[in-house]
Amino acid sequence: MSLTNLINNLIANASLLLVGLYIISRLTKLGVTTKLPLRRQVTISFLLAGLSIVITLHGVLWNAQADFQYGFVPIIMSALYFGLPGVRITYVASILVLPFILTETLLLITFLDYTLAASVAVAFLWFRERIKPARDIRIVNAISLGFISLFSLLNVSNYNQIETYVMTLLAFITIGYSAGFLLHVVYGGIHKIQRSERLISKYKEAAFTDALTGLGNRRRFEEEMKRVDEEVINGTQDVALLFLDIDHFKSINDTYGHDAGDAILIELGNRLTKTARTDDMVCRNGGEEFSVLLADCTLSQGFVIGKRYLRQIAETPFLLPDGSFIDVTVSIGIASTSESKIATSSQLIKKADVGLYVAKRSGRNRLGKWNEKKAN
């Protein structure tokens, strides 16, 4: 085999390996730090096994001389990304398929290569479960090229001249690492952009989340009211708004302490969330006041849901930090866009607030509506 053919094969094989590495890295969202679900490990491991078979076929069958045996590289990749299950799945899948496409001699060489690579991968896992996300393309590429160099020594006898082998090996390392470094630089830019987007999303979510209960905060509620103005008021579907206020909350704080008050707020948030429908939005507007925006809901339907909230809150005592229990009730004000004279979200808020005032003036632990003098 001429030096020109060796270099051509070298570039083709290196490109195949690096493209495969990049594709797999993108499929697996390179650098994840949480353990992947088993189903995803199985899927990606089979993809890696397929990649290993393609690389083996290209490097062994399509070349007159088996210049490089590196179909094992995906075994190393599966160790880096998916841990021991990934190694086992990739190794077994590769070995099951290869006997049907390789001769006995080539199969023995490949089997030994794969077994040694799998053993190295397992040993690697004992020392380090995952590599650092910021470096993984560069590190995986370096590890892969290192093992390619090591395993290629098994095939040195296939070359007529040792000089040709050395030049090919050096060219492979140079081209392979350069390409891998380029991928690292390219992915590094993508990774930084994605990380920035995740951080922005995280901070935005924090800005709209109540720190104590984990519900939406007042800012989230105001944003949702903007959506009501834009999408609901002039649309065909109605929404209902519930304002909930814990009865005698100041007395609870004074008697049992602020820790008890916080525990009640957290538990109330949990109960509201469990009772809420999928499209409903629960927020803590501040202090002991909560709101529930009921999607696709008329006033009469809102009354049914509001009474359900009253019943579920009042029937089950709240557990305090000291282990004791206390009965808690809430007053609820209700308004809906299905009512006349409600044409904006600000009017909806005002009517629900008046309804809450009516409920409290009428004896608490009940629903109140803005245009009624008595509790409902």
Protein backbone atom coordinates (compact mmCIF):
# COMPACT_ATOMS: atom_id res chain seq x y z
CA MET A 1 0.00 0.00 0.00
CA SER A 2 1.44 3.35 -1.02
CA LEU A 3 1.98 6.24 1.30
CA THR A 4 -0.64 8.24 -0.63
CA ASN A 5 -3.28 5.54 -0.11
CA LEU A 6 -2.36 5.29 3.56
CA ILE A 7 -2.75 9.04 4.02
CA ASN A 8 -6.07 9.00 2.16
CA ASN A 9 -7.34 6.16 4.35
CA LEU A 10 -5.98 7.93 7.37
CA ILE A 11 -7.88 11.14 6.64
CA ALA A 12 -11.07 9.21 5.86
CA ASN A 13 -10.84 7.15 9.05
CA ALA A 14 -9.94 10.12 11.22
CA SER A 15 -12.82 12.12 9.78
CA LEU A 16 -15.22 9.22 10.36
CA LEU A 17 -14.11 8.86 13.96
CA LEU A 18 -14.27 12.58 14.76
CA VAL A 19 -17.60 13.13 13.03
CA GLY A 20 -18.99 10.16 14.95
CA LEU A 21 -17.58 11.56 18.18
CA TYR A 22 -19.15 14.95 17.52
CA ILE A 23 -22.54 13.48 16.59
CA ILE A 24 -22.63 11.29 19.69
CA SER A 25 -21.54 14.21 21.86
CA ARG A 26 -24.36 16.35 20.50
CA LEU A 27 -26.93 13.56 20.88
CA THR A 28 -25.95 13.14 24.51
CA LYS A 29 -25.83 16.87 25.27
CA LEU A 30 -22.12 16.64 26.01
CA GLY A 31 -21.17 17.36 29.56
CA VAL A 32 -24.34 16.38 31.43
CA THR A 33 -23.55 15.84 35.08
CA THR A 34 -26.67 13.97 36.13
CA LYS A 35 -27.03 10.26 35.51
CA LEU A 36 -28.83 9.50 32.27
CA PRO A 37 -31.96 7.31 32.34
CA LEU A 38 -31.28 3.66 31.46
CA ARG A 39 -33.42 3.88 28.30
CA ARG A 40 -31.28 6.73 27.02
CA GLN A 41 -28.09 4.90 27.95
CA VAL A 42 -29.27 1.88 25.98
CA THR A 43 -30.21 3.98 22.94
CA ILE A 44 -26.94 5.89 22.78
CA SER A 45 -24.91 2.77 23.53
CA PHE A 46 -26.44 1.01 20.52
CA LEU A 47 -25.60 4.05 18.42
CA LEU A 48 -22.04 3.77 19.67
CA ALA A 49 -21.98 0.07 18.82
CA GLY A 50 -23.13 0.88 15.32
CA LEU A 51 -20.41 3.50 15.03
CA SER A 52 -17.81 1.00 16.20
CA ILE A 53 -18.92 -1.53 13.57
CA VAL A 54 -18.82 1.08 10.80
CA ILE A 55 -15.33 2.14 11.85
CA THR A 56 -14.19 -1.49 12.01
CA LEU A 57 -15.57 -2.24 8.55
CA HIS A 58 -13.92 0.84 7.12
CA GLY A 59 -10.57 0.17 8.73
CA VAL A 60 -10.43 -3.62 8.19
CA LEU A 61 -12.53 -4.69 5.21
CA TRP A 62 -12.10 -1.74 2.88
CA ASN A 63 -8.32 -1.63 3.18
CA ALA A 64 -6.01 -4.31 1.82
CA GLN A 65 -3.91 -3.96 4.96
CA ALA A 66 -5.50 -3.49 8.36
CA ASP A 67 -3.58 -0.31 9.09
CA PHE A 68 -5.55 0.74 12.17
CA GLN A 69 -7.88 -1.19 14.43
CA TYR A 70 -9.86 1.43 16.26
CA GLY A 71 -13.46 0.32 16.20
CA PHE A 72 -12.98 -0.03 19.94
CA VAL A 73 -12.93 3.76 20.41
CA PRO A 74 -16.72 3.94 21.06
CA ILE A 75 -16.12 1.55 23.96
CA ILE A 76 -13.93 4.19 25.56
CA MET A 77 -16.56 6.84 24.74
CA SER A 78 -19.31 4.80 26.36
CA ALA A 79 -17.19 4.58 29.50
CA LEU A 80 -16.67 8.31 29.60
CA TYR A 81 -20.33 9.15 29.16
CA PHE A 82 -22.52 6.28 30.30
CA GLY A 83 -20.60 4.33 32.90
CA LEU A 84 -20.50 0.57 33.26
CA PRO A 85 -23.95 -0.17 31.75
CA GLY A 86 -22.97 1.70 28.60
CA VAL A 87 -19.71 -0.24 28.30
CA ARG A 88 -21.48 -3.58 28.65
CA ILE A 89 -24.21 -2.73 26.15
CA THR A 90 -21.82 -1.32 23.56
CA TYR A 91 -19.36 -4.19 23.93
CA VAL A 92 -22.00 -6.92 23.73
CA ALA A 93 -23.81 -5.29 20.79
CA SER A 94 -20.55 -4.98 18.86
CA ILE A 95 -19.39 -8.54 19.52
CA LEU A 96 -22.80 -10.00 18.58
CA VAL A 97 -22.78 -8.34 15.16
CA LEU A 98 -19.12 -8.57 14.15
CA PRO A 99 -18.97 -12.41 13.75
CA PHE A 100 -21.40 -12.12 10.84
CA ILE A 101 -19.20 -9.75 8.86
CA LEU A 102 -15.58 -10.65 9.71
CA THR A 103 -13.42 -13.68 8.99
CA GLU A 104 -12.16 -15.79 11.87
CA THR A 105 -8.69 -14.23 11.84
CA LEU A 106 -9.93 -10.67 11.71
CA LEU A 107 -12.61 -11.49 14.27
CA LEU A 108 -9.99 -12.73 16.72
CA ILE A 109 -7.95 -9.54 16.37
CA THR A 110 -11.04 -7.36 16.72
CA PHE A 111 -12.33 -9.37 19.66
CA LEU A 112 -9.03 -8.96 21.48
CA ASP A 113 -9.01 -5.24 20.69
CA TYR A 114 -12.56 -4.78 21.95
CA THR A 115 -12.00 -6.87 25.07
CA LEU A 116 -8.87 -4.95 26.02
CA ALA A 117 -10.60 -1.64 25.32
CA ALA A 118 -13.63 -2.64 27.40
CA SER A 119 -11.33 -3.70 30.24
CA VAL A 120 -9.53 -0.36 30.11
CA ALA A 121 -12.89 1.43 30.09
CA VAL A 122 -14.08 -0.48 33.16
CA ALA A 123 -10.80 0.25 34.94
CA PHE A 124 -11.20 3.90 34.05
CA LEU A 125 -14.59 3.97 35.75
CA TRP A 126 -13.10 2.82 39.02
CA PHE A 127 -10.97 5.96 39.16
CA ARG A 128 -13.24 8.56 37.70
CA GLU A 129 -16.90 8.29 36.84
CA ARG A 130 -17.11 11.30 34.54
CA ILE A 131 -14.75 13.77 32.98
CA LYS A 132 -15.22 17.51 33.33
CA PRO A 133 -17.78 18.98 30.91
CA ALA A 134 -15.62 21.94 29.88
CA ARG A 135 -12.88 19.64 28.59
CA ASP A 136 -14.62 16.51 27.40
CA ILE A 137 -14.27 16.78 23.61
CA ARG A 138 -10.57 17.52 23.94
CA ILE A 139 -10.01 14.82 26.57
CA VAL A 140 -12.05 12.17 24.76
CA ASN A 141 -10.17 12.94 21.57
CA ALA A 142 -6.80 12.73 23.31
CA ILE A 143 -7.70 9.44 25.03
CA SER A 144 -9.05 7.98 21.80
CA LEU A 145 -5.95 8.93 19.82
CA GLY A 146 -3.72 7.58 22.55
CA PHE A 147 -5.40 4.21 22.47
CA ILE A 148 -5.44 4.24 18.66
CA SER A 149 -1.68 4.66 18.75
CA LEU A 150 -1.33 1.84 21.25
CA PHE A 151 -3.58 -0.61 19.41
CA SER A 152 -2.08 0.21 16.03
CA LEU A 153 1.18 -1.35 17.25
CA LEU A 154 -0.60 -4.71 16.95
CA ASN A 155 -0.71 -4.17 13.19
CA VAL A 156 2.79 -2.89 12.59
CA SER A 157 3.70 -6.14 10.82
CA ASN A 158 1.20 -5.34 8.08
CA TYR A 159 3.39 -2.56 6.76
CA ASN A 160 6.19 -3.22 4.30
CA GLN A 161 8.29 -0.38 5.63
CA ILE A 162 8.49 0.78 9.21
CA GLU A 163 9.03 4.36 7.98
CA THR A 164 5.63 4.30 6.30
CA TYR A 165 3.98 3.11 9.51
CA VAL A 166 5.62 5.81 11.61
CA MET A 167 4.76 8.57 9.14
CA THR A 168 1.16 7.36 8.93
CA LEU A 169 0.86 7.19 12.70
CA LEU A 170 2.30 10.68 13.15
CA ALA A 171 0.04 12.05 10.44
CA PHE A 172 -2.97 10.39 12.09
CA ILE A 173 -2.17 11.89 15.47
CA THR A 174 -1.55 15.34 13.96
CA ILE A 175 -4.68 15.38 11.81
CA GLY A 176 -6.85 13.68 14.43
CA TYR A 177 -5.87 15.89 17.34
CA SER A 178 -6.08 19.06 15.24
CA ALA A 179 -9.56 18.14 14.08
CA GLY A 180 -10.55 17.20 17.61
CA PHE A 181 -9.21 20.47 18.98
CA LEU A 182 -11.16 22.37 16.33
CA LEU A 183 -14.33 20.53 17.36
CA HIS A 184 -13.55 21.40 20.96
CA VAL A 185 -13.25 25.10 20.09
CA VAL A 186 -16.47 25.03 18.03
CA TYR A 187 -18.40 23.12 20.67
CA GLY A 188 -16.91 25.32 23.39
CA GLY A 189 -18.61 28.33 21.80
CA ILE A 190 -21.90 26.45 21.51
CA HIS A 191 -21.55 25.22 25.08
CA LYS A 192 -20.98 28.76 26.39
CA ILE A 193 -24.06 30.02 24.55
CA GLN A 194 -26.17 27.15 25.92
CA ARG A 195 -24.81 27.69 29.42
CA SER A 196 -25.64 31.41 29.21
CA GLU A 197 -29.16 30.57 28.07
CA ARG A 198 -29.56 28.10 30.95
CA LEU A 199 -28.31 30.69 33.45
CA ILE A 200 -30.65 33.34 32.08
CA SER A 201 -33.54 30.88 32.26
CA LYS A 202 -32.54 29.91 35.80
CA TYR A 203 -32.31 33.51 37.01
CA LYS A 204 -35.54 34.39 35.25
CA GLU A 205 -37.29 31.47 36.93
CA ALA A 206 -35.87 32.54 40.29
CA ALA A 207 -37.14 36.08 39.73
CA PHE A 208 -40.66 34.73 39.21
CA THR A 209 -40.61 32.18 42.08
CA ASP A 210 -41.52 32.68 45.72
CA ALA A 211 -38.53 31.56 47.79
CA LEU A 212 -40.56 30.10 50.66
CA THR A 213 -43.30 28.12 48.90
CA GLY A 214 -41.81 27.56 45.44
CA LEU A 215 -44.96 28.99 43.86
CA GLY A 216 -45.07 31.87 41.44
CA ASN A 217 -44.56 35.22 43.15
CA ARG A 218 -46.30 38.55 42.62
CA ARG A 219 -44.17 39.34 39.59
CA ARG A 220 -45.26 36.06 38.02
CA PHE A 221 -48.86 36.90 38.83
CA GLU A 222 -48.52 40.33 37.16
CA GLU A 223 -46.99 38.73 34.06
CA GLU A 224 -49.90 36.30 33.90
CA MET A 225 -52.34 39.18 34.15
CA LYS A 226 -50.68 40.75 31.10
CA ARG A 227 -51.34 37.52 29.25
CA VAL A 228 -54.97 37.67 30.35
CA ASP A 229 -55.24 41.13 28.77
CA GLU A 230 -53.58 39.98 25.57
CA GLU A 231 -55.17 36.56 25.07
CA VAL A 232 -58.22 36.09 27.28
CA ILE A 233 -60.19 39.31 27.43
CA ASN A 234 -60.74 39.45 23.68
CA GLY A 235 -60.86 35.68 23.24
CA THR A 236 -63.57 33.07 23.44
CA GLN A 237 -62.51 31.42 26.71
CA ASP A 238 -63.07 32.81 30.19
CA VAL A 239 -60.86 32.71 33.26
CA ALA A 240 -61.71 33.03 36.91
CA LEU A 241 -59.51 34.51 39.62
CA LEU A 242 -59.45 33.46 43.27
CA PHE A 243 -57.81 35.55 45.97
CA LEU A 244 -57.17 33.51 49.14
CA ASP A 245 -56.20 34.97 52.50
CA ILE A 246 -55.41 32.94 55.63
CA ASP A 247 -57.86 33.81 58.41
CA HIS A 248 -56.31 35.32 61.58
CA PHE A 249 -52.77 34.70 60.29
CA LYS A 250 -51.26 37.44 62.46
CA SER A 251 -52.72 35.79 65.53
CA ILE A 252 -51.18 32.46 64.47
CA ASN A 253 -47.77 34.08 64.07
CA ASP A 254 -48.03 35.82 67.44
CA THR A 255 -49.16 32.65 69.23
CA TYR A 256 -47.06 29.93 67.60
CA GLY A 257 -44.14 31.87 66.13
CA HIS A 258 -42.99 32.71 62.63
CA ASP A 259 -41.65 29.19 62.02
CA ALA A 260 -45.17 27.89 62.47
CA GLY A 261 -46.46 30.60 60.16
CA ASP A 262 -43.94 29.63 57.48
CA ALA A 263 -44.91 25.95 57.82
CA ILE A 264 -48.57 26.85 57.29
CA LEU A 265 -47.73 28.95 54.22
CA ILE A 266 -45.71 26.10 52.70
CA GLU A 267 -48.39 23.50 53.40
CA LEU A 268 -51.12 25.75 52.05
CA GLY A 269 -49.12 26.22 48.85
CA ASN A 270 -48.81 22.44 48.53
CA ARG A 271 -52.53 21.91 49.03
CA LEU A 272 -53.44 24.59 46.50
CA THR A 273 -51.07 23.07 43.95
CA LYS A 274 -52.42 19.54 44.45
CA THR A 275 -56.00 20.70 44.02
CA ALA A 276 -55.25 22.93 41.02
CA ARG A 277 -55.92 21.66 37.52
CA THR A 278 -53.14 21.29 34.96
CA ASP A 279 -53.60 24.71 33.36
CA ASP A 280 -54.36 26.63 36.56
CA MET A 281 -51.69 28.89 38.05
CA VAL A 282 -51.11 29.21 41.80
CA CYS A 283 -49.13 32.17 43.19
CA ARG A 284 -48.24 33.59 46.53
CA ASN A 285 -48.90 37.28 46.08
CA GLY A 286 -47.28 38.25 49.37
CA GLY A 287 -47.68 37.66 53.09
CA GLU A 288 -50.57 35.30 53.70
CA GLU A 289 -52.32 36.11 50.41
CA PHE A 290 -52.43 33.60 47.54
CA SER A 291 -54.06 33.67 44.13
CA VAL A 292 -55.28 30.97 41.79
CA LEU A 293 -55.95 31.78 38.14
CA LEU A 294 -58.45 29.24 36.83
CA ALA A 295 -58.07 28.63 33.11
CA ASP A 296 -61.14 28.18 30.89
CA CYS A 297 -63.47 28.77 33.81
CA THR A 298 -66.75 30.68 34.22
CA LEU A 299 -67.96 32.24 37.45
CA SER A 300 -70.23 29.30 38.34
CA GLN A 301 -67.44 26.82 37.69
CA GLY A 302 -65.12 28.97 39.79
CA PHE A 303 -67.53 28.77 42.71
CA VAL A 304 -67.42 24.97 42.58
CA ILE A 305 -63.62 24.94 42.59
CA GLY A 306 -63.42 27.64 45.28
CA LYS A 307 -65.71 25.65 47.61
CA ARG A 308 -63.50 22.61 47.03
CA TYR A 309 -60.50 24.65 48.20
CA LEU A 310 -62.40 25.79 51.31
CA ARG A 311 -63.37 22.25 52.20
CA GLN A 312 -59.95 20.67 51.64
CA ILE A 313 -58.17 23.36 53.64
CA ALA A 314 -60.57 23.42 56.58
CA GLU A 315 -61.09 19.66 56.94
CA THR A 316 -57.42 18.69 57.49
CA PRO A 317 -55.44 20.33 60.34
CA PHE A 318 -51.98 21.76 59.58
CA LEU A 319 -48.87 20.22 61.14
CA LEU A 320 -46.63 22.67 63.02
CA PRO A 321 -42.85 22.31 63.51
CA ASP A 322 -43.32 21.27 67.17
CA GLY A 323 -45.48 18.31 66.12
CA SER A 324 -48.81 19.81 67.13
CA PHE A 325 -51.72 20.45 64.78
CA ILE A 326 -53.78 23.55 64.17
CA ASP A 327 -57.00 24.19 62.26
CA VAL A 328 -56.60 26.76 59.51
CA THR A 329 -59.23 28.37 57.30
CA VAL A 330 -59.07 30.79 54.42
CA SER A 331 -61.35 33.42 52.94
CA ILE A 332 -61.67 33.54 49.17
CA GLY A 333 -62.71 36.30 46.80
CA ILE A 334 -63.78 35.34 43.30
CA ALA A 335 -64.28 37.09 39.98
CA SER A 336 -64.47 35.94 36.37
CA THR A 337 -64.21 37.42 32.91
CA SER A 338 -67.58 35.78 32.20
CA GLU A 339 -69.17 38.53 34.30
CA SER A 340 -70.37 41.76 32.77
CA LYS A 341 -68.38 44.96 33.40
CA ILE A 342 -65.03 43.10 33.45
CA ALA A 343 -63.06 44.09 30.38
CA THR A 344 -59.48 44.21 31.71
CA SER A 345 -57.29 42.23 34.05
CA SER A 346 -57.13 45.17 36.45
CA GLN A 347 -60.94 45.05 36.76
CA LEU A 348 -60.74 41.30 37.33
CA ILE A 349 -58.19 41.84 40.12
CA LYS A 350 -60.26 44.61 41.69
CA LYS A 351 -63.46 42.54 41.72
CA ALA A 352 -61.69 39.49 43.19
CA ASP A 353 -60.15 41.73 45.87
CA VAL A 354 -63.57 43.17 46.74
CA GLY A 355 -64.90 39.60 46.87
CA LEU A 356 -62.18 38.72 49.40
CA TYR A 357 -63.23 41.74 51.51
CA VAL A 358 -66.85 40.59 51.37
CA ALA A 359 -65.86 37.07 52.50
CA LYS A 360 -63.93 38.40 55.49
CA ARG A 361 -66.67 40.83 56.51
CA SER A 362 -69.23 38.02 56.25
CA GLY A 363 -67.54 35.77 58.78
CA ARG A 364 -64.44 34.29 57.00
CA ASN A 365 -63.95 30.68 55.81
CA ARG A 366 -66.17 31.34 52.80
CA LEU A 367 -66.36 32.65 49.26
CA GLY A 368 -67.17 36.27 48.52
CA LYS A 369 -68.27 37.96 45.30
CA TRP A 370 -67.85 41.64 44.56
CA ASN A 371 -71.50 42.58 44.04
CA GLU A 372 -73.02 40.61 46.91
CA LYS A 373 -73.57 41.88 50.42
CA LYS A 374 -73.68 38.46 52.00
CA ALA A 375 -71.33 35.51 51.91
CA ASN A 376 -71.89 32.70 49.44
